[in-house]
């Protein structure tokens, strides 16, 4: 019996020893997998609905600092380099610029001083449309029919933008082509229609032959730098920088609905058309096709991430979805009602880096940071007030150099 006991104990001891080794290996593995951090140079700028407070978030350090803008409720747009953000106060006839202090250079970024306000201000009358191409910035003033333009390199040296008359005042649209010309909407001086798009140079002079294509309305625009798309009730108006224009008819399934908002995803190299009635569609201006994104017809927010790689969609029922911007394939889906119980009361604004999604929560004064792959919450910034618009500036990079 003694021999039998010894024989049974040996395998048991071996199993125990193996278990200890496995446990050690697991612990070592867990220690070897550090927490995934946001890129070092990513910054988030957040404006407030009811106060001029502007909050700058540094997710990598989970830190924040507050600045004072000129007015409450600014819309936010990043400049072409991502170094600056434009704060557009449509009701207050003003645009001002905020400098993140981060300048991207290919695979690394330079620190360019501390975060601060730029010198330039644009006194546009009811500024509503903002366009960038490279370092060029253009703003359309609805109430003055003027383009207000400037180069990023001038934002700390010029007190104001240059104003160029391009037509009669109207709720317009503008895009900037790579060749330095602009495609701008042009409405009849009296009456509701017709509308058309014309191409003007940096002096506001129309170039090329005027197009004979007119529509009953124009709203929404996007460009890849060579081709521009404008939303109209008659179809998507495709405008080349050469001046050539054509209307792309909507699918019969649209009925009377049309795409009144458009975006271009630079990384995905696709156009996204949107409306509250027609839903979300990838628009291919070459094949002249419209491809539904996830069969979505109703949404609270929809946009490309900061790189123009993925499409972020927030549904009215609280579902957050991520789609591949090139193919439209769904990559992630999860409800955020545990964070924001009612997304329809004050629809959150959102943006995303390559790794994280950021969601404003106006009712609780928070900004939620979610893992882009799992949509799990990783951090909450308590910014106070009623945070509204949010945009990513700086650079989604880790390499650093100082100047």
Protein backbone atom coordinates (compact mmCIF):
# COMPACT_ATOMS: atom_id res chain seq x y z
CA UNK A 1 0.00 0.00 0.00
CA UNK A 2 2.90 2.30 0.73
CA UNK A 3 4.20 1.90 -2.82
CA UNK A 4 0.73 2.64 -4.24
CA UNK A 5 0.46 5.85 -2.20
CA UNK A 6 3.84 7.03 -3.43
CA UNK A 7 2.83 6.29 -7.02
CA UNK A 8 -0.37 8.34 -6.72
CA UNK A 9 1.36 11.28 -5.05
CA UNK A 10 3.95 11.72 -7.77
CA UNK A 11 1.45 12.55 -10.56
CA UNK A 12 -0.49 14.77 -8.18
CA UNK A 13 2.65 16.69 -7.28
CA UNK A 14 3.53 17.00 -10.94
CA UNK A 15 0.09 18.42 -11.74
CA UNK A 16 0.36 20.90 -8.86
CA UNK A 17 3.80 22.01 -10.03
CA UNK A 18 2.53 22.41 -13.60
CA UNK A 19 -0.38 24.47 -12.32
CA UNK A 20 1.98 26.77 -10.46
CA UNK A 21 4.07 27.22 -13.60
CA UNK A 22 0.98 27.97 -15.67
CA UNK A 23 -0.18 30.50 -13.09
CA UNK A 24 3.23 32.17 -13.16
CA UNK A 25 3.18 32.25 -16.96
CA UNK A 26 -0.29 33.81 -16.89
CA UNK A 27 0.79 36.45 -14.38
CA UNK A 28 3.88 37.24 -16.42
CA UNK A 29 1.74 37.49 -19.56
CA UNK A 30 -0.66 39.87 -17.84
CA UNK A 31 2.22 42.00 -16.62
CA UNK A 32 3.70 42.04 -20.12
CA UNK A 33 0.50 43.47 -21.65
CA UNK A 34 0.43 47.16 -20.66
CA UNK A 35 -2.72 49.25 -20.91
CA UNK A 36 -3.30 50.58 -24.42
CA UNK A 37 -2.83 54.34 -24.34
CA UNK A 38 -4.08 56.98 -26.73
CA UNK A 39 -1.45 58.41 -29.07
CA UNK A 40 0.80 60.91 -27.34
CA UNK A 41 -0.11 63.90 -29.52
CA UNK A 42 -3.89 63.47 -29.80
CA UNK A 43 -5.84 66.43 -28.44
CA UNK A 44 -9.60 66.90 -28.16
CA UNK A 45 -11.18 70.35 -28.18
CA UNK A 46 -14.66 70.64 -26.66
CA UNK A 47 -17.00 73.63 -26.77
CA UNK A 48 -19.92 74.32 -24.44
CA UNK A 49 -23.56 74.93 -25.36
CA UNK A 50 -24.21 77.69 -22.85
CA UNK A 51 -20.85 79.23 -21.91
CA UNK A 52 -17.72 80.37 -23.79
CA UNK A 53 -15.64 77.74 -21.97
CA UNK A 54 -13.43 75.64 -24.26
CA UNK A 55 -11.81 72.49 -22.87
CA UNK A 56 -8.64 70.90 -24.25
CA UNK A 57 -8.24 67.20 -23.42
CA UNK A 58 -4.99 65.22 -23.54
CA UNK A 59 -6.20 61.59 -23.37
CA UNK A 60 -2.73 60.06 -23.17
CA UNK A 61 -2.24 61.81 -19.83
CA UNK A 62 -5.96 61.87 -18.92
CA UNK A 63 -5.55 65.60 -18.33
CA UNK A 64 -7.56 68.68 -19.29
CA UNK A 65 -7.32 72.45 -19.27
CA UNK A 66 -9.86 75.19 -19.87
CA UNK A 67 -9.73 78.29 -22.06
CA UNK A 68 -12.27 81.04 -22.74
CA UNK A 69 -13.67 81.52 -26.22
CA UNK A 70 -15.56 84.59 -27.41
CA UNK A 71 -19.06 83.11 -27.28
CA UNK A 72 -20.96 79.96 -26.35
CA UNK A 73 -22.04 77.21 -28.72
CA UNK A 74 -19.25 77.27 -31.30
CA UNK A 75 -19.17 74.74 -34.10
CA UNK A 76 -15.75 73.09 -34.45
CA UNK A 77 -13.66 72.17 -37.49
CA UNK A 78 -10.02 70.99 -37.68
CA UNK A 79 -7.70 72.67 -40.16
CA UNK A 80 -5.93 70.67 -42.85
CA UNK A 81 -2.82 70.00 -40.78
CA UNK A 82 -4.80 69.24 -37.64
CA UNK A 83 -2.73 71.71 -35.66
CA UNK A 84 -5.55 74.25 -35.35
CA UNK A 85 -9.29 74.13 -34.78
CA UNK A 86 -11.69 76.73 -36.14
CA UNK A 87 -14.45 77.85 -33.77
CA UNK A 88 -17.37 79.10 -35.86
CA UNK A 89 -19.91 81.34 -34.13
CA UNK A 90 -22.61 81.58 -36.81
CA UNK A 91 -25.00 83.72 -34.78
CA UNK A 92 -22.20 86.07 -33.69
CA UNK A 93 -20.58 86.65 -37.11
CA UNK A 94 -17.18 85.42 -35.98
CA UNK A 95 -14.63 82.65 -36.56
CA UNK A 96 -11.55 82.26 -34.37
CA UNK A 97 -8.77 79.69 -34.26
CA UNK A 98 -7.21 77.62 -31.49
CA UNK A 99 -3.64 76.27 -31.72
CA UNK A 100 -3.07 72.81 -30.21
CA UNK A 101 0.69 73.36 -30.11
CA UNK A 102 1.19 70.11 -32.05
CA UNK A 103 2.42 70.01 -35.64
CA UNK A 104 2.50 66.69 -37.53
CA UNK A 105 5.47 65.84 -39.73
CA UNK A 106 4.90 62.49 -41.43
CA UNK A 107 5.65 59.77 -38.87
CA UNK A 108 6.28 62.13 -35.94
CA UNK A 109 5.14 65.45 -34.50
CA UNK A 110 6.79 68.62 -33.27
CA UNK A 111 5.82 70.56 -30.16
CA UNK A 112 5.18 74.15 -31.27
CA UNK A 113 4.86 76.01 -28.00
CA UNK A 114 1.89 75.78 -25.67
CA UNK A 115 -1.83 75.54 -26.57
CA UNK A 116 -3.22 79.04 -27.22
CA UNK A 117 -5.49 81.20 -29.32
CA UNK A 118 -4.24 82.24 -32.74
CA UNK A 119 -4.23 85.91 -33.74
CA UNK A 120 -6.56 85.63 -36.74
CA UNK A 121 -10.30 86.27 -36.51
CA UNK A 122 -12.76 86.19 -39.40
CA UNK A 123 -15.60 88.72 -39.22
CA UNK A 124 -17.82 86.83 -41.67
CA UNK A 125 -21.53 87.63 -41.72
CA UNK A 126 -23.24 84.47 -40.48
CA UNK A 127 -20.38 82.04 -41.22
CA UNK A 128 -21.83 78.61 -41.88
CA UNK A 129 -19.58 76.62 -44.22
CA UNK A 130 -15.93 75.80 -43.57
CA UNK A 131 -13.57 74.26 -46.13
CA UNK A 132 -9.91 73.24 -45.99
CA UNK A 133 -7.48 71.87 -48.54
CA UNK A 134 -3.92 71.43 -47.38
CA UNK A 135 -3.03 74.66 -45.58
CA UNK A 136 -5.77 76.67 -47.33
CA UNK A 137 -8.81 77.72 -45.25
CA UNK A 138 -12.06 79.08 -46.69
CA UNK A 139 -15.22 80.21 -44.90
CA UNK A 140 -18.49 81.15 -46.61
CA UNK A 141 -20.56 83.93 -45.06
CA UNK A 142 -24.24 83.28 -45.66
CA UNK A 143 -25.24 86.89 -45.01
CA UNK A 144 -22.53 88.58 -47.09
CA UNK A 145 -22.02 86.13 -49.99
CA UNK A 146 -18.28 86.29 -49.45
CA UNK A 147 -15.42 83.83 -49.13
CA UNK A 148 -13.17 84.58 -46.19
CA UNK A 149 -9.85 82.84 -46.75
CA UNK A 150 -6.42 82.52 -45.17
CA UNK A 151 -3.47 80.15 -45.05
CA UNK A 152 -2.65 78.23 -41.87
CA UNK A 153 0.83 79.74 -41.88
CA UNK A 154 -0.72 83.18 -41.34
CA UNK A 155 -2.89 82.39 -38.32
CA UNK A 156 -0.38 83.82 -35.83
CA UNK A 157 0.61 86.83 -37.94
CA UNK A 158 -2.56 88.12 -39.62
CA UNK A 159 -5.34 89.73 -37.61
CA UNK A 160 -8.08 88.90 -40.12
CA UNK A 161 -8.98 86.80 -43.13
CA UNK A 162 -9.34 88.15 -46.67
CA UNK A 163 -12.94 88.71 -47.82
CA UNK A 164 -13.80 88.02 -51.46
CA UNK A 165 -17.24 88.61 -52.94
CA UNK A 166 -18.46 85.56 -54.87
CA UNK A 167 -22.18 86.28 -55.30
CA UNK A 168 -25.41 87.17 -53.55
CA UNK A 169 -25.96 86.28 -49.88
CA UNK A 170 -27.57 82.86 -49.34
CA UNK A 171 -27.22 79.73 -47.21
CA UNK A 172 -24.37 78.52 -49.38
CA UNK A 173 -21.75 75.85 -49.80
CA UNK A 174 -18.06 75.97 -50.67
CA UNK A 175 -15.22 73.53 -51.29
CA UNK A 176 -11.55 74.14 -52.09
CA UNK A 177 -9.82 72.27 -54.92
CA UNK A 178 -6.18 71.22 -54.89
CA UNK A 179 -5.49 73.58 -57.82
CA UNK A 180 -6.40 76.59 -55.66
CA UNK A 181 -9.83 77.29 -57.13
CA UNK A 182 -13.13 77.12 -55.26
CA UNK A 183 -16.48 75.58 -56.15
CA UNK A 184 -19.22 77.72 -54.60
CA UNK A 185 -22.98 77.66 -54.71
CA UNK A 186 -24.65 80.52 -56.55
CA UNK A 187 -28.31 81.39 -56.06
CA UNK A 188 -30.56 83.72 -58.01
CA UNK A 189 -30.64 87.15 -56.39
CA UNK A 190 -34.41 86.96 -56.02
CA UNK A 191 -36.69 83.99 -55.40
CA UNK A 192 -35.91 80.54 -54.07
CA UNK A 193 -34.35 79.11 -57.25
CA UNK A 194 -32.52 78.34 -59.43
CA UNK A 195 -29.27 77.28 -57.83
CA UNK A 196 -26.02 76.37 -59.54
CA UNK A 197 -22.34 75.81 -58.71
CA UNK A 198 -19.61 77.97 -60.18
CA UNK A 199 -15.82 77.80 -59.97
CA UNK A 200 -13.94 80.92 -58.91
CA UNK A 201 -10.29 81.78 -58.43
CA UNK A 202 -8.62 83.33 -55.39
CA UNK A 203 -9.90 86.77 -56.47
CA UNK A 204 -13.51 85.56 -56.65
CA UNK A 205 -13.64 85.73 -60.46
CA UNK A 206 -15.55 82.92 -62.16
CA UNK A 207 -13.26 80.77 -64.31
CA UNK A 208 -14.23 78.58 -67.24
CA UNK A 209 -17.60 78.45 -68.94
CA UNK A 210 -20.68 78.68 -66.67
CA UNK A 211 -22.50 75.39 -66.26
CA UNK A 212 -26.03 75.08 -67.58
CA UNK A 213 -27.02 72.71 -64.77
CA UNK A 214 -29.38 74.27 -62.24
CA UNK A 215 -31.23 72.80 -59.27
CA UNK A 216 -33.95 73.84 -56.86
CA UNK A 217 -31.65 73.72 -53.81
CA UNK A 218 -28.09 72.90 -52.77
CA UNK A 219 -27.11 71.65 -49.34
CA UNK A 220 -24.11 69.56 -48.30
CA UNK A 221 -20.76 69.30 -50.03
CA UNK A 222 -17.51 67.32 -49.95
CA UNK A 223 -14.39 66.92 -52.07
CA UNK A 224 -11.31 64.78 -52.54
CA UNK A 225 -9.51 67.82 -53.95
CA UNK A 226 -10.30 67.09 -57.59
CA UNK A 227 -13.96 66.06 -57.60
CA UNK A 228 -16.62 67.82 -55.53
CA UNK A 229 -20.08 66.51 -54.69
CA UNK A 230 -23.04 68.72 -53.76
CA UNK A 231 -26.39 67.52 -52.43
CA UNK A 232 -29.48 68.63 -54.37
CA UNK A 233 -33.10 67.40 -54.61
CA UNK A 234 -32.46 66.46 -58.24
CA UNK A 235 -29.45 64.23 -57.49
CA UNK A 236 -25.83 64.54 -56.46
CA UNK A 237 -24.16 67.31 -58.44
CA UNK A 238 -20.67 66.18 -59.44
CA UNK A 239 -18.26 69.04 -60.15
CA UNK A 240 -14.71 68.54 -61.45
CA UNK A 241 -11.97 71.09 -60.86
CA UNK A 242 -11.81 71.37 -64.65
CA UNK A 243 -15.32 72.83 -64.59
CA UNK A 244 -17.15 69.78 -65.93
CA UNK A 245 -20.44 69.10 -64.14
CA UNK A 246 -23.12 66.41 -64.17
CA UNK A 247 -26.08 65.29 -62.06
CA UNK A 248 -26.03 61.78 -60.61
CA UNK A 249 -29.68 60.67 -60.18
CA UNK A 250 -30.73 59.04 -56.93
CA UNK A 251 -32.00 55.44 -56.87
CA UNK A 252 -35.75 55.11 -57.39
CA UNK A 253 -36.01 53.74 -53.84
CA UNK A 254 -35.20 57.24 -52.50
CA UNK A 255 -38.55 58.58 -53.68
CA UNK A 256 -38.64 62.30 -52.93
CA UNK A 257 -35.82 62.01 -50.37
CA UNK A 258 -32.34 63.34 -51.08
CA UNK A 259 -28.88 63.47 -49.50
CA UNK A 260 -28.42 66.87 -47.88
CA UNK A 261 -25.11 66.25 -46.07
CA UNK A 262 -21.88 64.91 -47.57
CA UNK A 263 -18.44 64.03 -46.20
CA UNK A 264 -15.22 62.68 -47.67
CA UNK A 265 -13.12 60.05 -45.90
CA UNK A 266 -9.51 60.73 -46.83
CA UNK A 267 -8.12 57.38 -45.68
CA UNK A 268 -11.01 55.30 -47.03
CA UNK A 269 -11.15 57.41 -50.21
CA UNK A 270 -14.95 57.32 -50.18
CA UNK A 271 -17.81 59.82 -50.03
CA UNK A 272 -20.60 59.47 -47.46
CA UNK A 273 -24.02 60.92 -48.21
CA UNK A 274 -26.52 61.43 -45.39
CA UNK A 275 -30.01 62.65 -44.63
CA UNK A 276 -32.57 62.01 -41.91
CA UNK A 277 -34.96 60.62 -44.51
CA UNK A 278 -32.76 58.81 -47.05
CA UNK A 279 -30.29 57.40 -44.50
CA UNK A 280 -26.57 56.72 -45.00
CA UNK A 281 -25.01 55.82 -48.33
CA UNK A 282 -21.51 55.47 -49.75
CA UNK A 283 -21.55 57.54 -52.94
CA UNK A 284 -19.25 56.46 -55.78
CA UNK A 285 -18.89 59.37 -58.24
CA UNK A 286 -17.07 57.20 -60.80
CA UNK A 287 -19.50 54.27 -60.89
CA UNK A 288 -22.39 56.64 -60.02
CA UNK A 289 -23.69 54.26 -57.38
CA UNK A 290 -25.27 54.62 -53.94
CA UNK A 291 -24.58 51.84 -51.41
CA UNK A 292 -26.50 51.77 -48.14
CA UNK A 293 -24.36 51.70 -44.98
CA UNK A 294 -25.79 49.01 -42.71
CA UNK A 295 -29.30 49.57 -44.04
CA UNK A 296 -29.51 52.60 -41.74
CA UNK A 297 -32.32 55.03 -42.46
CA UNK A 298 -32.53 56.89 -39.13
CA UNK A 299 -29.66 58.13 -36.98
CA UNK A 300 -28.73 60.77 -34.41
CA UNK A 301 -25.14 61.33 -35.61
CA UNK A 302 -23.07 59.96 -38.49
CA UNK A 303 -19.56 60.93 -39.54
CA UNK A 304 -16.10 59.69 -40.48
CA UNK A 305 -13.46 59.43 -37.77
CA UNK A 306 -10.68 62.01 -37.75
CA UNK A 307 -8.56 60.12 -40.28
CA UNK A 308 -11.49 59.47 -42.62
CA UNK A 309 -11.04 55.73 -42.16
CA UNK A 310 -14.13 54.47 -40.31
CA UNK A 311 -17.74 55.66 -40.17
CA UNK A 312 -19.24 56.30 -36.73
CA UNK A 313 -23.01 56.10 -36.34
CA UNK A 314 -25.04 56.86 -33.22
CA UNK A 315 -28.63 55.65 -33.42
CA UNK A 316 -31.58 57.27 -31.65
CA UNK A 317 -32.01 54.06 -29.62
CA UNK A 318 -28.52 54.50 -28.15
CA UNK A 319 -26.66 52.01 -30.33
CA UNK A 320 -23.17 53.08 -31.38
CA UNK A 321 -21.87 51.42 -34.54
CA UNK A 322 -18.54 51.50 -36.37
CA UNK A 323 -18.36 50.70 -40.09
CA UNK A 324 -15.39 50.32 -42.40
CA UNK A 325 -15.34 53.54 -44.41
CA UNK A 326 -14.16 51.85 -47.60
CA UNK A 327 -16.46 48.81 -47.68
CA UNK A 328 -19.34 49.69 -45.36
CA UNK A 329 -18.80 46.46 -43.39
CA UNK A 330 -19.80 46.65 -39.72
CA UNK A 331 -16.85 46.45 -37.31
CA UNK A 332 -18.43 47.08 -33.90
CA UNK A 333 -21.79 47.70 -32.24
CA UNK A 334 -22.83 48.42 -28.66
CA UNK A 335 -25.45 50.38 -26.74
CA UNK A 336 -24.25 53.46 -24.87
CA UNK A 337 -27.48 53.94 -22.90
CA UNK A 338 -25.59 52.96 -19.74
CA UNK A 339 -23.57 56.15 -20.24
CA UNK A 340 -26.18 58.43 -21.81
CA UNK A 341 -29.71 57.23 -20.98
CA UNK A 342 -31.42 59.43 -23.59
CA UNK A 343 -29.41 60.31 -26.70
CA UNK A 344 -32.39 62.08 -28.28
CA UNK A 345 -32.73 64.69 -25.52
CA UNK A 346 -29.36 66.22 -26.45
CA UNK A 347 -27.72 64.14 -29.15
CA UNK A 348 -24.03 63.66 -28.27
CA UNK A 349 -21.35 64.80 -30.66
CA UNK A 350 -18.49 62.41 -31.32
CA UNK A 351 -15.13 61.97 -32.96
CA UNK A 352 -12.51 59.22 -33.02
CA UNK A 353 -8.82 58.55 -33.38
CA UNK A 354 -7.45 55.25 -34.69
CA UNK A 355 -7.90 53.70 -31.22
CA UNK A 356 -10.63 55.53 -29.31
CA UNK A 357 -14.05 57.13 -29.75
CA UNK A 358 -14.98 60.26 -27.79
CA UNK A 359 -18.60 61.08 -26.95
CA UNK A 360 -19.93 64.28 -25.36
CA UNK A 361 -22.53 63.99 -22.61
CA UNK A 362 -24.16 67.40 -22.19
CA UNK A 363 -26.57 66.49 -19.40
CA UNK A 364 -23.81 65.15 -17.13
CA UNK A 365 -20.95 67.47 -18.14
CA UNK A 366 -18.77 64.60 -19.33
CA UNK A 367 -16.80 63.31 -22.29
CA UNK A 368 -16.64 59.51 -22.55
CA UNK A 369 -13.59 57.74 -24.00
CA UNK A 370 -14.45 54.36 -25.57
CA UNK A 371 -12.22 51.65 -26.99
CA UNK A 372 -12.82 51.74 -30.74
CA UNK A 373 -12.69 47.95 -31.11
CA UNK A 374 -14.82 46.84 -28.15
CA UNK A 375 -16.70 50.12 -27.48
CA UNK A 376 -15.99 49.59 -23.77
CA UNK A 377 -15.57 52.77 -21.73
CA UNK A 378 -11.93 53.40 -20.80
CA UNK A 379 -12.09 56.82 -19.18
CA UNK A 380 -14.48 59.66 -18.42
CA UNK A 381 -13.48 63.32 -18.48
CA UNK A 382 -15.57 65.48 -16.16
CA UNK A 383 -15.44 68.78 -18.01
CA UNK A 384 -18.45 70.40 -16.34
CA UNK A 385 -21.00 72.66 -17.97
CA UNK A 386 -22.86 71.38 -21.03
CA UNK A 387 -20.22 70.01 -23.42
CA UNK A 388 -21.39 70.01 -27.00
CA UNK A 389 -19.15 69.97 -30.07
CA UNK A 390 -15.89 68.02 -30.08
CA UNK A 391 -13.08 67.69 -32.60
CA UNK A 392 -9.71 65.93 -32.71
CA UNK A 393 -6.67 68.12 -33.29
CA UNK A 394 -2.93 67.65 -32.83
CA UNK A 395 -1.72 64.38 -34.36
CA UNK A 396 -2.54 60.69 -33.99
CA UNK A 397 1.17 59.97 -33.57
CA UNK A 398 3.67 59.07 -30.85
CA UNK A 399 7.06 60.05 -32.28
CA UNK A 400 8.28 63.42 -31.06
CA UNK A 401 10.65 66.19 -31.98
CA UNK A 402 10.82 69.70 -30.53
CA UNK A 403 11.30 72.98 -32.31
